[in-house]
PDB file of N, CA and C in Angstrom:
ATOM      1  N   MET A   1      -1.971  58.242  40.001  1.00  0.00           N
ATOM      2  CA  MET A   1      -2.127  59.580  40.501  1.00  0.00           C
ATOM      3  C   MET A   1      -1.680  60.598  39.455  1.00  0.00           C
ATOM      4  N   ALA A   2      -0.847  60.229  38.528  1.00  0.00           N
ATOM      5  CA  ALA A   2      -0.387  61.143  37.493  1.00  0.00           C
ATOM      6  C   ALA A   2      -1.546  61.644  36.651  1.00  0.00           C
ATOM      7  N   ALA A   3      -2.606  60.863  36.563  1.00  0.00           N
ATOM      8  CA  ALA A   3      -3.768  61.264  35.783  1.00  0.00           C
ATOM      9  C   ALA A   3      -4.477  62.452  36.416  1.00  0.00           C
ATOM     10  N   ALA A   4      -4.151  62.796  37.645  1.00  0.00           N
ATOM     11  CA  ALA A   4      -4.833  63.879  38.327  1.00  0.00           C
ATOM     12  C   ALA A   4      -4.154  65.231  38.094  1.00  0.00           C
ATOM     13  N   ILE A   5      -3.155  65.292  37.232  1.00  0.00           N
ATOM     14  CA  ILE A   5      -2.486  66.552  36.944  1.00  0.00           C
ATOM     15  C   ILE A   5      -3.105  67.176  35.701  1.00  0.00           C
ATOM     16  N   ASP A   6      -3.538  68.405  35.821  1.00  0.00           N
ATOM     17  CA  ASP A   6      -4.178  69.130  34.721  1.00  0.00           C
ATOM     18  C   ASP A   6      -3.125  69.492  33.675  1.00  0.00           C
ATOM     19  N   GLN A   7      -3.450  69.325  32.425  1.00  0.00           N
ATOM     20  CA  GLN A   7      -2.513  69.615  31.337  1.00  0.00           C
ATOM     21  C   GLN A   7      -2.155  71.090  31.276  1.00  0.00           C
ATOM     22  N   GLY A   8      -3.060  71.972  31.607  1.00  0.00           N
ATOM     23  CA  GLY A   8      -2.861  73.405  31.441  1.00  0.00           C
ATOM     24  C   GLY A   8      -1.716  73.967  32.260  1.00  0.00           C
ATOM     25  N   LEU A   9      -1.901  74.080  33.558  1.00  0.00           N
ATOM     26  CA  LEU A   9      -0.918  74.742  34.396  1.00  0.00           C
ATOM     27  C   LEU A   9      -0.276  73.802  35.404  1.00  0.00           C
ATOM     28  N   GLY A  10      -0.449  72.510  35.246  1.00  0.00           N
ATOM     29  CA  GLY A  10       0.109  71.585  36.208  1.00  0.00           C
ATOM     30  C   GLY A  10      -0.678  71.560  37.500  1.00  0.00           C
ATOM     31  N   ARG A  11      -1.921  72.064  37.449  1.00  0.00           N
ATOM     32  CA  ARG A  11      -2.750  72.082  38.642  1.00  0.00           C
ATOM     33  C   ARG A  11      -3.283  70.686  38.914  1.00  0.00           C
ATOM     34  N   VAL A  12      -3.566  70.443  40.160  1.00  0.00           N
ATOM     35  CA  VAL A  12      -4.148  69.168  40.547  1.00  0.00           C
ATOM     36  C   VAL A  12      -5.646  69.251  40.330  1.00  0.00           C
ATOM     37  N   ARG A  13      -6.171  68.298  39.598  1.00  0.00           N
ATOM     38  CA  ARG A  13      -7.610  68.250  39.346  1.00  0.00           C
ATOM     39  C   ARG A  13      -8.305  67.550  40.491  1.00  0.00           C
ATOM     40  N   SER A  14      -9.563  67.770  40.557  1.00  0.00           N
ATOM     41  CA  SER A  14     -10.403  67.087  41.535  1.00  0.00           C
ATOM     42  C   SER A  14     -10.440  65.605  41.197  1.00  0.00           C
ATOM     43  N   PRO A  15     -10.395  64.720  42.208  1.00  0.00           N
ATOM     44  CA  PRO A  15     -10.486  63.288  41.929  1.00  0.00           C
ATOM     45  C   PRO A  15     -11.747  62.922  41.163  1.00  0.00           C
ATOM     46  N   ALA A  16     -12.795  63.716  41.284  1.00  0.00           N
ATOM     47  CA  ALA A  16     -14.027  63.422  40.550  1.00  0.00           C
ATOM     48  C   ALA A  16     -13.811  63.518  39.049  1.00  0.00           C
ATOM     49  N   SER A  17     -12.767  64.223  38.631  1.00  0.00           N
ATOM     50  CA  SER A  17     -12.501  64.372  37.204  1.00  0.00           C
ATOM     51  C   SER A  17     -11.589  63.259  36.681  1.00  0.00           C
ATOM     52  N   THR A  18     -11.383  62.218  37.470  1.00  0.00           N
ATOM     53  CA  THR A  18     -10.585  61.065  37.050  1.00  0.00           C
ATOM     54  C   THR A  18     -11.520  59.857  36.994  1.00  0.00           C
ATOM     55  N   PRO A  19     -12.203  59.683  35.860  1.00  0.00           N
ATOM     56  CA  PRO A  19     -13.266  58.679  35.770  1.00  0.00           C
ATOM     57  C   PRO A  19     -12.788  57.233  35.871  1.00  0.00           C
ATOM     58  N   ASN A  20     -11.515  56.968  35.717  1.00  0.00           N
ATOM     59  CA  ASN A  20     -11.022  55.595  35.771  1.00  0.00           C
ATOM     60  C   ASN A  20     -10.816  55.099  37.193  1.00  0.00           C
ATOM     61  N   LEU A  21     -11.074  55.933  38.184  1.00  0.00           N
ATOM     62  CA  LEU A  21     -10.887  55.544  39.576  1.00  0.00           C
ATOM     63  C   LEU A  21     -12.224  55.216  40.222  1.00  0.00           C
ATOM     64  N   SER A  22     -12.201  54.218  41.103  1.00  0.00           N
ATOM     65  CA  SER A  22     -13.414  53.902  41.863  1.00  0.00           C
ATOM     66  C   SER A  22     -13.653  55.021  42.880  1.00  0.00           C
ATOM     67  N   MET A  23     -14.835  55.031  43.472  1.00  0.00           N
ATOM     68  CA  MET A  23     -15.147  56.056  44.475  1.00  0.00           C
ATOM     69  C   MET A  23     -14.166  56.000  45.640  1.00  0.00           C
ATOM     70  N   GLN A  24     -13.807  54.799  46.081  1.00  0.00           N
ATOM     71  CA  GLN A  24     -12.851  54.651  47.181  1.00  0.00           C
ATOM     72  C   GLN A  24     -11.489  55.223  46.778  1.00  0.00           C
ATOM     73  N   GLU A  25     -11.052  54.934  45.561  1.00  0.00           N
ATOM     74  CA  GLU A  25      -9.772  55.461  45.077  1.00  0.00           C
ATOM     75  C   GLU A  25      -9.816  56.977  44.944  1.00  0.00           C
ATOM     76  N   GLN A  26     -10.958  57.504  44.511  1.00  0.00           N
ATOM     77  CA  GLN A  26     -11.113  58.952  44.397  1.00  0.00           C
ATOM     78  C   GLN A  26     -11.041  59.618  45.766  1.00  0.00           C
ATOM     79  N   ARG A  27     -11.684  59.009  46.773  1.00  0.00           N
ATOM     80  CA  ARG A  27     -11.636  59.558  48.128  1.00  0.00           C
ATOM     81  C   ARG A  27     -10.208  59.505  48.672  1.00  0.00           C
ATOM     82  N   GLU A  28      -9.511  58.399  48.422  1.00  0.00           N
ATOM     83  CA  GLU A  28      -8.129  58.278  48.888  1.00  0.00           C
ATOM     84  C   GLU A  28      -7.235  59.302  48.193  1.00  0.00           C
ATOM     85  N   LEU A  29      -7.422  59.469  46.898  1.00  0.00           N
ATOM     86  CA  LEU A  29      -6.650  60.450  46.144  1.00  0.00           C
ATOM     87  C   LEU A  29      -6.919  61.854  46.677  1.00  0.00           C
ATOM     88  N   GLN A  30      -8.193  62.175  46.906  1.00  0.00           N
ATOM     89  CA  GLN A  30      -8.552  63.485  47.439  1.00  0.00           C
ATOM     90  C   GLN A  30      -7.893  63.710  48.792  1.00  0.00           C
ATOM     91  N   SER A  31      -7.916  62.708  49.641  1.00  0.00           N
ATOM     92  CA  SER A  31      -7.298  62.821  50.958  1.00  0.00           C
ATOM     93  C   SER A  31      -5.792  63.057  50.838  1.00  0.00           C
ATOM     94  N   ARG A  32      -5.146  62.318  49.963  1.00  0.00           N
ATOM     95  CA  ARG A  32      -3.698  62.501  49.766  1.00  0.00           C
ATOM     96  C   ARG A  32      -3.377  63.884  49.218  1.00  0.00           C
ATOM     97  N   LEU A  33      -4.196  64.344  48.273  1.00  0.00           N
ATOM     98  CA  LEU A  33      -3.966  65.667  47.691  1.00  0.00           C
ATOM     99  C   LEU A  33      -4.128  66.760  48.740  1.00  0.00           C
ATOM    100  N   GLU A  34      -5.150  66.624  49.578  1.00  0.00           N
ATOM    101  CA  GLU A  34      -5.375  67.612  50.631  1.00  0.00           C
ATOM    102  C   GLU A  34      -4.217  67.626  51.616  1.00  0.00           C
ATOM    103  N   LYS A  35      -3.712  66.442  51.977  1.00  0.00           N
ATOM    104  CA  LYS A  35      -2.576  66.363  52.900  1.00  0.00           C
ATOM    105  C   LYS A  35      -1.333  66.981  52.280  1.00  0.00           C
ATOM    106  N   LYS A  36      -1.102  66.703  50.998  1.00  0.00           N
ATOM    107  CA  LYS A  36       0.066  67.267  50.321  1.00  0.00           C
ATOM    108  C   LYS A  36      -0.043  68.776  50.226  1.00  0.00           C
ATOM    109  N   GLN A  37      -1.228  69.275  49.884  1.00  0.00           N
ATOM    110  CA  GLN A  37      -1.421  70.720  49.796  1.00  0.00           C
ATOM    111  C   GLN A  37      -1.182  71.384  51.145  1.00  0.00           C
ATOM    112  N   MET A  38      -1.668  70.766  52.219  1.00  0.00           N
ATOM    113  CA  MET A  38      -1.454  71.320  53.553  1.00  0.00           C
ATOM    114  C   MET A  38       0.027  71.298  53.910  1.00  0.00           C
ATOM    115  N   LYS A  39       0.696  70.202  53.604  1.00  0.00           N
ATOM    116  CA  LYS A  39       2.133  70.097  53.882  1.00  0.00           C
ATOM    117  C   LYS A  39       2.907  71.154  53.098  1.00  0.00           C
ATOM    118  N   ASP A  40       2.567  71.330  51.825  1.00  0.00           N
ATOM    119  CA  ASP A  40       3.227  72.338  50.999  1.00  0.00           C
ATOM    120  C   ASP A  40       2.984  73.738  51.546  1.00  0.00           C
ATOM    121  N   PHE A  41       1.731  74.019  51.917  1.00  0.00           N
ATOM    122  CA  PHE A  41       1.400  75.328  52.477  1.00  0.00           C
ATOM    123  C   PHE A  41       2.178  75.583  53.762  1.00  0.00           C
ATOM    124  N   MET A  42       2.220  74.600  54.631  1.00  0.00           N
ATOM    125  CA  MET A  42       2.931  74.767  55.901  1.00  0.00           C
ATOM    126  C   MET A  42       4.425  74.980  55.666  1.00  0.00           C
ATOM    127  N   GLY A  43       4.985  74.316  54.660  1.00  0.00           N
ATOM    128  CA  GLY A  43       6.397  74.516  54.328  1.00  0.00           C
ATOM    129  C   GLY A  43       6.656  75.938  53.850  1.00  0.00           C
ATOM    130  N   VAL A  44       5.799  76.440  52.978  1.00  0.00           N
ATOM    131  CA  VAL A  44       5.935  77.818  52.483  1.00  0.00           C
ATOM    132  C   VAL A  44       5.789  78.803  53.637  1.00  0.00           C
ATOM    133  N   TYR A  45       4.778  78.595  54.453  1.00  0.00           N
ATOM    134  CA  TYR A  45       4.535  79.475  55.596  1.00  0.00           C
ATOM    135  C   TYR A  45       5.731  79.463  56.548  1.00  0.00           C
ATOM    136  N   SER A  46       6.254  78.287  56.832  1.00  0.00           N
ATOM    137  CA  SER A  46       7.392  78.161  57.739  1.00  0.00           C
ATOM    138  C   SER A  46       8.629  78.882  57.196  1.00  0.00           C
ATOM    139  N   ARG A  47       8.883  78.726  55.896  1.00  0.00           N
ATOM    140  CA  ARG A  47      10.040  79.404  55.290  1.00  0.00           C
ATOM    141  C   ARG A  47       9.863  80.920  55.316  1.00  0.00           C
ATOM    142  N   LEU A  48       8.644  81.387  55.067  1.00  0.00           N
ATOM    143  CA  LEU A  48       8.367  82.821  55.107  1.00  0.00           C
ATOM    144  C   LEU A  48       8.599  83.371  56.512  1.00  0.00           C
ATOM    145  N   VAL A  49       8.057  82.711  57.509  1.00  0.00           N
ATOM    146  CA  VAL A  49       8.219  83.162  58.891  1.00  0.00           C
ATOM    147  C   VAL A  49       9.694  83.181  59.266  1.00  0.00           C
ATOM    148  N   GLN A  50      10.413  82.121  58.930  1.00  0.00           N
ATOM    149  CA  GLN A  50      11.830  82.035  59.284  1.00  0.00           C
ATOM    150  C   GLN A  50      12.642  83.128  58.597  1.00  0.00           C
ATOM    151  N   ARG A  51      12.377  83.325  57.318  1.00  0.00           N
ATOM    152  CA  ARG A  51      13.142  84.330  56.574  1.00  0.00           C
ATOM    153  C   ARG A  51      12.887  85.735  57.116  1.00  0.00           C
ATOM    154  N   CYS A  52      11.625  86.085  57.307  1.00  0.00           N
ATOM    155  CA  CYS A  52      11.314  87.425  57.800  1.00  0.00           C
ATOM    156  C   CYS A  52      11.810  87.611  59.233  1.00  0.00           C
ATOM    157  N   PHE A  53      11.713  86.599  60.044  1.00  0.00           N
ATOM    158  CA  PHE A  53      12.234  86.687  61.407  1.00  0.00           C
ATOM    159  C   PHE A  53      13.746  86.903  61.382  1.00  0.00           C
ATOM    160  N   ASP A  54      14.456  86.099  60.598  1.00  0.00           N
ATOM    161  CA  ASP A  54      15.914  86.228  60.520  1.00  0.00           C
ATOM    162  C   ASP A  54      16.339  87.602  60.012  1.00  0.00           C
ATOM    163  N   ASP A  55      15.590  88.129  59.033  1.00  0.00           N
ATOM    164  CA  ASP A  55      15.950  89.414  58.439  1.00  0.00           C
ATOM    165  C   ASP A  55      15.570  90.603  59.316  1.00  0.00           C
ATOM    166  N   CYS A  56      14.539  90.471  60.128  1.00  0.00           N
ATOM    167  CA  CYS A  56      13.969  91.642  60.794  1.00  0.00           C
ATOM    168  C   CYS A  56      14.142  91.697  62.308  1.00  0.00           C
ATOM    169  N   VAL A  57      14.215  90.585  62.965  1.00  0.00           N
ATOM    170  CA  VAL A  57      14.247  90.598  64.433  1.00  0.00           C
ATOM    171  C   VAL A  57      15.690  90.493  64.906  1.00  0.00           C
ATOM    172  N   ASN A  58      16.131  91.577  65.569  1.00  0.00           N
ATOM    173  CA  ASN A  58      17.535  91.638  66.006  1.00  0.00           C
ATOM    174  C   ASN A  58      17.689  91.898  67.491  1.00  0.00           C
ATOM    175  N   ASP A  59      16.660  92.427  68.123  1.00  0.00           N
ATOM    176  CA  ASP A  59      16.748  92.821  69.520  1.00  0.00           C
ATOM    177  C   ASP A  59      15.942  91.846  70.374  1.00  0.00           C
ATOM    178  N   PHE A  60      16.633  91.124  71.223  1.00  0.00           N
ATOM    179  CA  PHE A  60      15.980  90.123  72.064  1.00  0.00           C
ATOM    180  C   PHE A  60      15.910  90.561  73.529  1.00  0.00           C
ATOM    181  N   THR A  61      15.986  91.886  73.748  1.00  0.00           N
ATOM    182  CA  THR A  61      15.932  92.396  75.125  1.00  0.00           C
ATOM    183  C   THR A  61      14.500  92.624  75.591  1.00  0.00           C
ATOM    184  N   SER A  62      13.542  92.468  74.673  1.00  0.00           N
ATOM    185  CA  SER A  62      12.140  92.671  75.011  1.00  0.00           C
ATOM    186  C   SER A  62      11.338  91.476  74.514  1.00  0.00           C
ATOM    187  N   LYS A  63      10.220  91.209  75.176  1.00  0.00           N
ATOM    188  CA  LYS A  63       9.401  90.082  74.734  1.00  0.00           C
ATOM    189  C   LYS A  63       8.479  90.451  73.580  1.00  0.00           C
ATOM    190  N   SER A  64       8.398  91.715  73.240  1.00  0.00           N
ATOM    191  CA  SER A  64       7.571  92.141  72.111  1.00  0.00           C
ATOM    192  C   SER A  64       8.458  92.751  71.025  1.00  0.00           C
ATOM    193  N   LEU A  65       7.886  92.817  69.841  1.00  0.00           N
ATOM    194  CA  LEU A  65       8.625  93.383  68.722  1.00  0.00           C
ATOM    195  C   LEU A  65       8.729  94.894  68.860  1.00  0.00           C
ATOM    196  N   LEU A  66       9.852  95.428  68.437  1.00  0.00           N
ATOM    197  CA  LEU A  66      10.010  96.873  68.352  1.00  0.00           C
ATOM    198  C   LEU A  66       9.236  97.363  67.125  1.00  0.00           C
ATOM    199  N   PRO A  67       8.785  98.599  67.130  1.00  0.00           N
ATOM    200  CA  PRO A  67       8.060  99.115  65.952  1.00  0.00           C
ATOM    201  C   PRO A  67       8.879  98.956  64.660  1.00  0.00           C
ATOM    202  N   LYS A  68      10.178  99.152  64.745  1.00  0.00           N
ATOM    203  CA  LYS A  68      11.052  98.998  63.581  1.00  0.00           C
ATOM    204  C   LYS A  68      11.021  97.554  63.069  1.00  0.00           C
ATOM    205  N   GLU A  69      11.057  96.599  63.987  1.00  0.00           N
ATOM    206  CA  GLU A  69      11.022  95.188  63.602  1.00  0.00           C
ATOM    207  C   GLU A  69       9.659  94.812  63.027  1.00  0.00           C
ATOM    208  N   GLU A  70       8.607  95.325  63.630  1.00  0.00           N
ATOM    209  CA  GLU A  70       7.255  95.032  63.151  1.00  0.00           C
ATOM    210  C   GLU A  70       7.052  95.566  61.731  1.00  0.00           C
ATOM    211  N   GLY A  71       7.528  96.774  61.482  1.00  0.00           N
ATOM    212  CA  GLY A  71       7.444  97.356  60.144  1.00  0.00           C
ATOM    213  C   GLY A  71       8.243  96.551  59.132  1.00  0.00           C
ATOM    214  N   CYS A  72       9.417  96.102  59.535  1.00  0.00           N
ATOM    215  CA  CYS A  72      10.264  95.283  58.668  1.00  0.00           C
ATOM    216  C   CYS A  72       9.558  93.980  58.305  1.00  0.00           C
ATOM    217  N   ILE A  73       8.942  93.350  59.287  1.00  0.00           N
ATOM    218  CA  ILE A  73       8.234  92.086  59.039  1.00  0.00           C
ATOM    219  C   ILE A  73       7.068  92.316  58.086  1.00  0.00           C
ATOM    220  N   MET A  74       6.327  93.395  58.274  1.00  0.00           N
ATOM    221  CA  MET A  74       5.201  93.686  57.377  1.00  0.00           C
ATOM    222  C   MET A  74       5.686  93.890  55.946  1.00  0.00           C
ATOM    223  N   ARG A  75       6.791  94.630  55.782  1.00  0.00           N
ATOM    224  CA  ARG A  75       7.346  94.840  54.437  1.00  0.00           C
ATOM    225  C   ARG A  75       7.865  93.538  53.849  1.00  0.00           C
ATOM    226  N   CYS A  76       8.490  92.716  54.673  1.00  0.00           N
ATOM    227  CA  CYS A  76       9.033  91.432  54.224  1.00  0.00           C
ATOM    228  C   CYS A  76       7.913  90.523  53.701  1.00  0.00           C
ATOM    229  N   VAL A  77       6.843  90.408  54.469  1.00  0.00           N
ATOM    230  CA  VAL A  77       5.715  89.567  54.070  1.00  0.00           C
ATOM    231  C   VAL A  77       5.062  90.118  52.806  1.00  0.00           C
ATOM    232  N   ASP A  78       4.869  91.441  52.764  1.00  0.00           N
ATOM    233  CA  ASP A  78       4.265  92.064  51.598  1.00  0.00           C
ATOM    234  C   ASP A  78       5.126  91.831  50.347  1.00  0.00           C
ATOM    235  N   LYS A  79       6.414  91.998  50.486  1.00  0.00           N
ATOM    236  CA  LYS A  79       7.332  91.784  49.363  1.00  0.00           C
ATOM    237  C   LYS A  79       7.304  90.331  48.906  1.00  0.00           C
ATOM    238  N   TYR A  80       7.247  89.404  49.849  1.00  0.00           N
ATOM    239  CA  TYR A  80       7.186  87.986  49.507  1.00  0.00           C
ATOM    240  C   TYR A  80       5.922  87.675  48.701  1.00  0.00           C
ATOM    241  N   PHE A  81       4.773  88.170  49.181  1.00  0.00           N
ATOM    242  CA  PHE A  81       3.513  87.890  48.484  1.00  0.00           C
ATOM    243  C   PHE A  81       3.478  88.527  47.103  1.00  0.00           C
ATOM    244  N   LYS A  82       3.965  89.743  47.001  1.00  0.00           N
ATOM    245  CA  LYS A  82       3.992  90.405  45.689  1.00  0.00           C
ATOM    246  C   LYS A  82       4.928  89.666  44.733  1.00  0.00           C
ATOM    247  N   GLY A  83       6.071  89.233  45.239  1.00  0.00           N
ATOM    248  CA  GLY A  83       7.010  88.477  44.407  1.00  0.00           C
ATOM    249  C   GLY A  83       6.425  87.147  43.958  1.00  0.00           C
ATOM    250  N   THR A  84       5.772  86.461  44.870  1.00  0.00           N
ATOM    251  CA  THR A  84       5.137  85.185  44.549  1.00  0.00           C
ATOM    252  C   THR A  84       4.034  85.378  43.514  1.00  0.00           C
ATOM    253  N   GLU A  85       3.233  86.422  43.689  1.00  0.00           N
ATOM    254  CA  GLU A  85       2.161  86.703  42.741  1.00  0.00           C
ATOM    255  C   GLU A  85       2.734  86.992  41.352  1.00  0.00           C
ATOM    256  N   ARG A  86       3.811  87.747  41.302  1.00  0.00           N
ATOM    257  CA  ARG A  86       4.429  88.079  40.009  1.00  0.00           C
ATOM    258  C   ARG A  86       4.996  86.827  39.355  1.00  0.00           C
ATOM    259  N   LEU A  87       5.636  85.958  40.127  1.00  0.00           N
ATOM    260  CA  LEU A  87       6.171  84.711  39.577  1.00  0.00           C
ATOM    261  C   LEU A  87       5.063  83.837  39.017  1.00  0.00           C
ATOM    262  N   GLN A  88       3.968  83.730  39.735  1.00  0.00           N
ATOM    263  CA  GLN A  88       2.840  82.919  39.270  1.00  0.00           C
ATOM    264  C   GLN A  88       2.266  83.484  37.976  1.00  0.00           C
ATOM    265  N   THR A  89       2.116  84.800  37.940  1.00  0.00           N
ATOM    266  CA  THR A  89       1.592  85.439  36.731  1.00  0.00           C
ATOM    267  C   THR A  89       2.518  85.199  35.550  1.00  0.00           C
ATOM    268  N   ARG A  90       3.790  85.373  35.769  1.00  0.00           N
ATOM    269  CA  ARG A  90       4.764  85.178  34.686  1.00  0.00           C
ATOM    270  C   ARG A  90       4.783  83.726  34.228  1.00  0.00           C
ATOM    271  N   PHE A  91       4.718  82.799  35.157  1.00  0.00           N
ATOM    272  CA  PHE A  91       4.682  81.380  34.801  1.00  0.00           C
ATOM    273  C   PHE A  91       3.464  81.083  33.938  1.00  0.00           C
ATOM    274  N   GLN A  92       2.312  81.618  34.321  1.00  0.00           N
ATOM    275  CA  GLN A  92       1.097  81.398  33.549  1.00  0.00           C
ATOM    276  C   GLN A  92       1.221  81.989  32.147  1.00  0.00           C
ATOM    277  N   GLU A  93       1.837  83.166  32.047  1.00  0.00           N
ATOM    278  CA  GLU A  93       2.043  83.794  30.739  1.00  0.00           C
ATOM    279  C   GLU A  93       2.940  82.926  29.859  1.00  0.00           C
ATOM    280  N   LEU A  94       4.037  82.461  30.431  1.00  0.00           N
ATOM    281  CA  LEU A  94       4.968  81.632  29.662  1.00  0.00           C
ATOM    282  C   LEU A  94       4.347  80.297  29.276  1.00  0.00           C
ATOM    283  N   ASN A  95       3.583  79.703  30.188  1.00  0.00           N
ATOM    284  CA  ASN A  95       2.929  78.435  29.905  1.00  0.00           C
ATOM    285  C   ASN A  95       1.919  78.589  28.778  1.00  0.00           C
ATOM    286  N   ALA A  96       1.126  79.663  28.828  1.00  0.00           N
ATOM    287  CA  ALA A  96       0.145  79.917  27.769  1.00  0.00           C
ATOM    288  C   ALA A  96       0.843  80.129  26.434  1.00  0.00           C
ATOM    289  N   GLN A  97       1.948  80.835  26.452  1.00  0.00           N
ATOM    290  CA  GLN A  97       2.717  81.081  25.231  1.00  0.00           C
ATOM    291  C   GLN A  97       3.258  79.762  24.673  1.00  0.00           C
ATOM    292  N   MET A  98       3.761  78.892  25.516  1.00  0.00           N
ATOM    293  CA  MET A  98       4.283  77.600  25.073  1.00  0.00           C
ATOM    294  C   MET A  98       3.172  76.746  24.481  1.00  0.00           C
ATOM    295  N   VAL A  99       2.009  76.754  25.114  1.00  0.00           N
ATOM    296  CA  VAL A  99       0.877  75.964  24.618  1.00  0.00           C
ATOM    297  C   VAL A  99       0.444  76.487  23.249  1.00  0.00           C
ATOM    298  N   GLN A 100       0.395  77.805  23.086  1.00  0.00           N
ATOM    299  CA  GLN A 100       0.010  78.388  21.803  1.00  0.00           C
ATOM    300  C   GLN A 100       0.997  78.017  20.699  1.00  0.00           C
ATOM    301  N   GLN A 101       2.262  77.937  21.044  1.00  0.00           N
ATOM    302  CA  GLN A 101       3.295  77.614  20.066  1.00  0.00           C
ATOM    303  C   GLN A 101       3.423  76.116  19.848  1.00  0.00           C
ATOM    304  N   GLY A 102       2.710  75.335  20.655  1.00  0.00           N
ATOM    305  CA  GLY A 102       2.785  73.890  20.522  1.00  0.00           C
ATOM    306  C   GLY A 102       4.036  73.286  21.123  1.00  0.00           C
ATOM    307  N   ASN A 103       4.682  74.048  21.990  1.00  0.00           N
ATOM    308  CA  ASN A 103       5.912  73.579  22.620  1.00  0.00           C
ATOM    309  C   ASN A 103       5.691  73.267  24.090  1.00  0.00           C
ATOM    310  N   ALA A 104       4.624  72.548  24.361  1.00  0.00           N
ATOM    311  CA  ALA A 104       4.334  72.198  25.751  1.00  0.00           C
ATOM    312  C   ALA A 104       5.489  71.370  26.305  1.00  0.00           C
ATOM    313  N   LEU A 105       5.577  71.350  27.606  1.00  0.00           N
ATOM    314  CA  LEU A 105       6.654  70.607  28.255  1.00  0.00           C
ATOM    315  C   LEU A 105       6.644  69.148  27.819  1.00  0.00           C
ATOM    316  N   PRO A 106       7.820  68.521  27.655  1.00  0.00           N
ATOM    317  CA  PRO A 106       7.886  67.119  27.254  1.00  0.00           C
ATOM    318  C   PRO A 106       7.118  66.244  28.234  1.00  0.00           C
ATOM    319  N   GLY A 107       6.490  65.218  27.703  1.00  0.00           N
ATOM    320  CA  GLY A 107       5.763  64.270  28.533  1.00  0.00           C
ATOM    321  C   GLY A 107       4.348  64.697  28.829  1.00  0.00           C
ATOM    322  N   ARG A 108       3.899  65.767  28.229  1.00  0.00           N
ATOM    323  CA  ARG A 108       2.523  66.245  28.488  1.00  0.00           C
ATOM    324  C   ARG A 108       1.675  66.019  27.297  1.00  0.00           C
TER     325      ARG A 108
END
């Protein structure tokens, strides 16, 4: 399965791009990758929901969110996505710089 990691950004390649695997192995690899991606996504989503809920929801006297809490949650989610986007961009910049300098991560 290590052969399915792209040298560039550590992205997972399509099983079709791993010619040493049989079709059955490629399908199994694809299935595992999809399950892992879903699990990872659900973990990120769960942490985001928990963090924003903990930070923003304080009044449990009503079954609906107060406008103040709703606004806080929207800002929390927006800040999380912007921060994540900036981290990804910066990682890509640093990775490209390392590749240009020939200092790729060990083992690659």
